[in-house]
Amino acid sequence: MKPLKTKVSITLDNDLVSKLKKLADEDDRSFSQYINLIAKEWISRKDSEMNNNED
């Protein structure tokens, strides 16, 4: 079973969208899949930073 997803609408700069679409294509992913991937990676890094700062 696929995880549930929530549809959202955001506004991004045109140059950012162009770059992200290019990167998604190079990674053989849809734009949405790529945004989801990089958001998860960024949040994971932030969580790790916060956990390291608590030590």
PDB file of N, CA and C in Angstrom:
ATOM      1  N   MET A   1       0.846  -1.182   0.000  1.00  0.00           N
ATOM      2  CA  MET A   1       0.000   0.000   0.000  1.00  0.00           C
ATOM      3  C   MET A   1       0.891   1.246   0.000  1.00  0.00           C
ATOM      4  N   LYS A   2       0.595   2.185  -0.877  1.00  0.00           N
ATOM      5  CA  LYS A   2       1.362   3.433  -0.951  1.00  0.00           C
ATOM      6  C   LYS A   2       1.012   4.331   0.226  1.00  0.00           C
ATOM      7  N   PRO A   3       1.998   5.076   0.712  1.00  0.00           N
ATOM      8  CA  PRO A   3       1.689   6.016   1.806  1.00  0.00           C
ATOM      9  C   PRO A   3       0.734   7.106   1.324  1.00  0.00           C
ATOM     10  N   LEU A   4      -0.054   7.610   2.235  1.00  0.00           N
ATOM     11  CA  LEU A   4      -0.984   8.675   1.892  1.00  0.00           C
ATOM     12  C   LEU A   4      -0.229   9.954   1.574  1.00  0.00           C
ATOM     13  N   LYS A   5      -0.732  10.685   0.631  1.00  0.00           N
ATOM     14  CA  LYS A   5      -0.113  11.953   0.233  1.00  0.00           C
ATOM     15  C   LYS A   5      -1.159  13.054   0.361  1.00  0.00           C
ATOM     16  N   THR A   6      -0.687  14.263   0.563  1.00  0.00           N
ATOM     17  CA  THR A   6      -1.546  15.433   0.628  1.00  0.00           C
ATOM     18  C   THR A   6      -1.190  16.361  -0.513  1.00  0.00           C
ATOM     19  N   LYS A   7      -2.174  16.779  -1.259  1.00  0.00           N
ATOM     20  CA  LYS A   7      -1.951  17.701  -2.356  1.00  0.00           C
ATOM     21  C   LYS A   7      -1.815  19.112  -1.790  1.00  0.00           C
ATOM     22  N   VAL A   8      -0.750  19.806  -2.215  1.00  0.00           N
ATOM     23  CA  VAL A   8      -0.515  21.174  -1.768  1.00  0.00           C
ATOM     24  C   VAL A   8      -0.224  22.059  -2.967  1.00  0.00           C
ATOM     25  N   SER A   9      -0.367  23.327  -2.759  1.00  0.00           N
ATOM     26  CA  SER A   9      -0.039  24.302  -3.795  1.00  0.00           C
ATOM     27  C   SER A   9       0.935  25.303  -3.197  1.00  0.00           C
ATOM     28  N   ILE A  10       2.080  25.497  -3.885  1.00  0.00           N
ATOM     29  CA  ILE A  10       3.074  26.458  -3.416  1.00  0.00           C
ATOM     30  C   ILE A  10       3.494  27.340  -4.581  1.00  0.00           C
ATOM     31  N   THR A  11       4.041  28.472  -4.264  1.00  0.00           N
ATOM     32  CA  THR A  11       4.545  29.388  -5.280  1.00  0.00           C
ATOM     33  C   THR A  11       6.069  29.433  -5.168  1.00  0.00           C
ATOM     34  N   LEU A  12       6.743  29.156  -6.280  1.00  0.00           N
ATOM     35  CA  LEU A  12       8.204  29.131  -6.311  1.00  0.00           C
ATOM     36  C   LEU A  12       8.708  30.072  -7.391  1.00  0.00           C
ATOM     37  N   ASP A  13       9.930  30.543  -7.236  1.00  0.00           N
ATOM     38  CA  ASP A  13      10.558  31.369  -8.264  1.00  0.00           C
ATOM     39  C   ASP A  13      10.734  30.551  -9.538  1.00  0.00           C
ATOM     40  N   ASN A  14      10.566  31.205 -10.687  1.00  0.00           N
ATOM     41  CA  ASN A  14      10.670  30.525 -11.978  1.00  0.00           C
ATOM     42  C   ASN A  14      12.009  29.826 -12.169  1.00  0.00           C
ATOM     43  N   ASP A  15      13.094  30.491 -11.771  1.00  0.00           N
ATOM     44  CA  ASP A  15      14.418  29.888 -11.951  1.00  0.00           C
ATOM     45  C   ASP A  15      14.589  28.646 -11.086  1.00  0.00           C
ATOM     46  N   LEU A  16      13.996  28.645  -9.900  1.00  0.00           N
ATOM     47  CA  LEU A  16      14.055  27.487  -9.027  1.00  0.00           C
ATOM     48  C   LEU A  16      13.282  26.315  -9.624  1.00  0.00           C
ATOM     49  N   VAL A  17      12.103  26.588 -10.150  1.00  0.00           N
ATOM     50  CA  VAL A  17      11.292  25.545 -10.777  1.00  0.00           C
ATOM     51  C   VAL A  17      12.041  24.932 -11.951  1.00  0.00           C
ATOM     52  N   SER A  18      12.646  25.759 -12.772  1.00  0.00           N
ATOM     53  CA  SER A  18      13.398  25.253 -13.929  1.00  0.00           C
ATOM     54  C   SER A  18      14.524  24.328 -13.490  1.00  0.00           C
ATOM     55  N   LYS A  19      15.284  24.763 -12.489  1.00  0.00           N
ATOM     56  CA  LYS A  19      16.402  23.954 -11.998  1.00  0.00           C
ATOM     57  C   LYS A  19      15.908  22.654 -11.379  1.00  0.00           C
ATOM     58  N   LEU A  20      14.854  22.726 -10.576  1.00  0.00           N
ATOM     59  CA  LEU A  20      14.327  21.523  -9.937  1.00  0.00           C
ATOM     60  C   LEU A  20      13.781  20.533 -10.961  1.00  0.00           C
ATOM     61  N   LYS A  21      13.110  21.034 -11.986  1.00  0.00           N
ATOM     62  CA  LYS A  21      12.597  20.146 -13.036  1.00  0.00           C
ATOM     63  C   LYS A  21      13.737  19.459 -13.770  1.00  0.00           C
ATOM     64  N   LYS A  22      14.806  20.203 -14.025  1.00  0.00           N
ATOM     65  CA  LYS A  22      15.984  19.624 -14.694  1.00  0.00           C
ATOM     66  C   LYS A  22      16.604  18.537 -13.824  1.00  0.00           C
ATOM     67  N   LEU A  23      16.775  18.819 -12.535  1.00  0.00           N
ATOM     68  CA  LEU A  23      17.355  17.845 -11.618  1.00  0.00           C
ATOM     69  C   LEU A  23      16.463  16.613 -11.471  1.00  0.00           C
ATOM     70  N   ALA A  24      15.158  16.830 -11.408  1.00  0.00           N
ATOM     71  CA  ALA A  24      14.212  15.711 -11.306  1.00  0.00           C
ATOM     72  C   ALA A  24      14.310  14.823 -12.541  1.00  0.00           C
ATOM     73  N   ASP A  25      14.383  15.448 -13.701  1.00  0.00           N
ATOM     74  CA  ASP A  25      14.500  14.699 -14.948  1.00  0.00           C
ATOM     75  C   ASP A  25      15.793  13.896 -14.971  1.00  0.00           C
ATOM     76  N   GLU A  26      16.895  14.497 -14.551  1.00  0.00           N
ATOM     77  CA  GLU A  26      18.184  13.807 -14.508  1.00  0.00           C
ATOM     78  C   GLU A  26      18.161  12.628 -13.540  1.00  0.00           C
ATOM     79  N   ASP A  27      17.332  12.726 -12.503  1.00  0.00           N
ATOM     80  CA  ASP A  27      17.202  11.669 -11.496  1.00  0.00           C
ATOM     81  C   ASP A  27      16.075  10.694 -11.854  1.00  0.00           C
ATOM     82  N   ASP A  28      15.478  10.880 -13.039  1.00  0.00           N
ATOM     83  CA  ASP A  28      14.375  10.042 -13.531  1.00  0.00           C
ATOM     84  C   ASP A  28      13.211   9.989 -12.544  1.00  0.00           C
ATOM     85  N   ARG A  29      12.847  11.172 -12.047  1.00  0.00           N
ATOM     86  CA  ARG A  29      11.723  11.309 -11.112  1.00  0.00           C
ATOM     87  C   ARG A  29      10.788  12.398 -11.618  1.00  0.00           C
ATOM     88  N   SER A  30       9.563  12.355 -11.142  1.00  0.00           N
ATOM     89  CA  SER A  30       8.649  13.456 -11.437  1.00  0.00           C
ATOM     90  C   SER A  30       9.053  14.655 -10.584  1.00  0.00           C
ATOM     91  N   PHE A  31       8.593  15.817 -10.978  1.00  0.00           N
ATOM     92  CA  PHE A  31       8.855  17.039 -10.214  1.00  0.00           C
ATOM     93  C   PHE A  31       8.391  16.863  -8.768  1.00  0.00           C
ATOM     94  N   SER A  32       7.188  16.344  -8.595  1.00  0.00           N
ATOM     95  CA  SER A  32       6.626  16.143  -7.259  1.00  0.00           C
ATOM     96  C   SER A  32       7.450  15.151  -6.445  1.00  0.00           C
ATOM     97  N   GLN A  33       7.845  14.041  -7.054  1.00  0.00           N
ATOM     98  CA  GLN A  33       8.666  13.060  -6.356  1.00  0.00           C
ATOM     99  C   GLN A  33       9.991  13.674  -5.917  1.00  0.00           C
ATOM    100  N   TYR A  34      10.564  14.494  -6.784  1.00  0.00           N
ATOM    101  CA  TYR A  34      11.859  15.105  -6.475  1.00  0.00           C
ATOM    102  C   TYR A  34      11.732  16.102  -5.328  1.00  0.00           C
ATOM    103  N   ILE A  35      10.704  16.926  -5.350  1.00  0.00           N
ATOM    104  CA  ILE A  35      10.473  17.883  -4.258  1.00  0.00           C
ATOM    105  C   ILE A  35      10.296  17.127  -2.941  1.00  0.00           C
ATOM    106  N   ASN A  36       9.524  16.053  -2.971  1.00  0.00           N
ATOM    107  CA  ASN A  36       9.293  15.238  -1.780  1.00  0.00           C
ATOM    108  C   ASN A  36      10.609  14.668  -1.257  1.00  0.00           C
ATOM    109  N   LEU A  37      11.446  14.164  -2.162  1.00  0.00           N
ATOM    110  CA  LEU A  37      12.729  13.590  -1.792  1.00  0.00           C
ATOM    111  C   LEU A  37      13.649  14.619  -1.133  1.00  0.00           C
ATOM    112  N   ILE A  38      13.806  15.779  -1.765  1.00  0.00           N
ATOM    113  CA  ILE A  38      14.732  16.760  -1.203  1.00  0.00           C
ATOM    114  C   ILE A  38      14.190  17.367   0.094  1.00  0.00           C
ATOM    115  N   ALA A  39      12.885  17.480   0.226  1.00  0.00           N
ATOM    116  CA  ALA A  39      12.309  17.984   1.482  1.00  0.00           C
ATOM    117  C   ALA A  39      12.585  16.994   2.618  1.00  0.00           C
ATOM    118  N   LYS A  40      12.403  15.697   2.342  1.00  0.00           N
ATOM    119  CA  LYS A  40      12.672  14.679   3.363  1.00  0.00           C
ATOM    120  C   LYS A  40      14.143  14.678   3.760  1.00  0.00           C
ATOM    121  N   GLU A  41      15.047  14.797   2.770  1.00  0.00           N
ATOM    122  CA  GLU A  41      16.477  14.816   3.065  1.00  0.00           C
ATOM    123  C   GLU A  41      16.843  16.046   3.906  1.00  0.00           C
ATOM    124  N   TRP A  42      16.281  17.203   3.571  1.00  0.00           N
ATOM    125  CA  TRP A  42      16.569  18.428   4.307  1.00  0.00           C
ATOM    126  C   TRP A  42      16.090  18.313   5.754  1.00  0.00           C
ATOM    127  N   ILE A  43      14.868  17.791   5.929  1.00  0.00           N
ATOM    128  CA  ILE A  43      14.315  17.637   7.280  1.00  0.00           C
ATOM    129  C   ILE A  43      15.143  16.636   8.086  1.00  0.00           C
ATOM    130  N   SER A  44      15.575  15.565   7.445  1.00  0.00           N
ATOM    131  CA  SER A  44      16.408  14.572   8.119  1.00  0.00           C
ATOM    132  C   SER A  44      17.714  15.201   8.604  1.00  0.00           C
ATOM    133  N   ARG A  45      18.331  16.038   7.767  1.00  0.00           N
ATOM    134  CA  ARG A  45      19.568  16.721   8.160  1.00  0.00           C
ATOM    135  C   ARG A  45      19.318  17.666   9.330  1.00  0.00           C
ATOM    136  N   LYS A  46      18.227  18.408   9.261  1.00  0.00           N
ATOM    137  CA  LYS A  46      17.902  19.340  10.350  1.00  0.00           C
ATOM    138  C   LYS A  46      17.658  18.587  11.653  1.00  0.00           C
ATOM    139  N   ASP A  47      16.946  17.452  11.575  1.00  0.00           N
ATOM    140  CA  ASP A  47      16.712  16.630  12.769  1.00  0.00           C
ATOM    141  C   ASP A  47      18.031  16.151  13.353  1.00  0.00           C
ATOM    142  N   SER A  48      18.951  15.724  12.480  1.00  0.00           N
ATOM    143  CA  SER A  48      20.265  15.251  12.939  1.00  0.00           C
ATOM    144  C   SER A  48      21.042  16.383  13.602  1.00  0.00           C
ATOM    145  N   GLU A  49      20.999  17.563  13.005  1.00  0.00           N
ATOM    146  CA  GLU A  49      21.679  18.724  13.589  1.00  0.00           C
ATOM    147  C   GLU A  49      21.122  19.034  14.974  1.00  0.00           C
ATOM    148  N   MET A  50      19.800  18.996  15.102  1.00  0.00           N
ATOM    149  CA  MET A  50      19.180  19.300  16.387  1.00  0.00           C
ATOM    150  C   MET A  50      19.565  18.249  17.419  1.00  0.00           C
ATOM    151  N   ASN A  51      19.594  16.989  17.009  1.00  0.00           N
ATOM    152  CA  ASN A  51      19.967  15.905  17.945  1.00  0.00           C
ATOM    153  C   ASN A  51      21.428  16.028  18.347  1.00  0.00           C
ATOM    154  N   ASN A  52      22.294  16.412  17.436  1.00  0.00           N
ATOM    155  CA  ASN A  52      23.711  16.587  17.756  1.00  0.00           C
ATOM    156  C   ASN A  52      23.935  17.754  18.688  1.00  0.00           C
ATOM    157  N   ASN A  53      23.125  18.795  18.571  1.00  0.00           N
ATOM    158  CA  ASN A  53      23.252  19.976  19.432  1.00  0.00           C
ATOM    159  C   ASN A  53      22.765  19.694  20.849  1.00  0.00           C
ATOM    160  N   GLU A  54      21.934  18.667  21.019  1.00  0.00           N
ATOM    161  CA  GLU A  54      21.427  18.332  22.341  1.00  0.00           C
ATOM    162  C   GLU A  54      22.446  17.563  23.171  1.00  0.00           C
ATOM    163  N   ASP A  55      23.437  16.979  22.511  1.00  0.00           N
ATOM    164  CA  ASP A  55      24.452  16.173  23.213  1.00  0.00           C
ATOM    165  C   ASP A  55      25.418  17.007  24.010  1.00  0.00           C
TER     166      ASP A  55
END
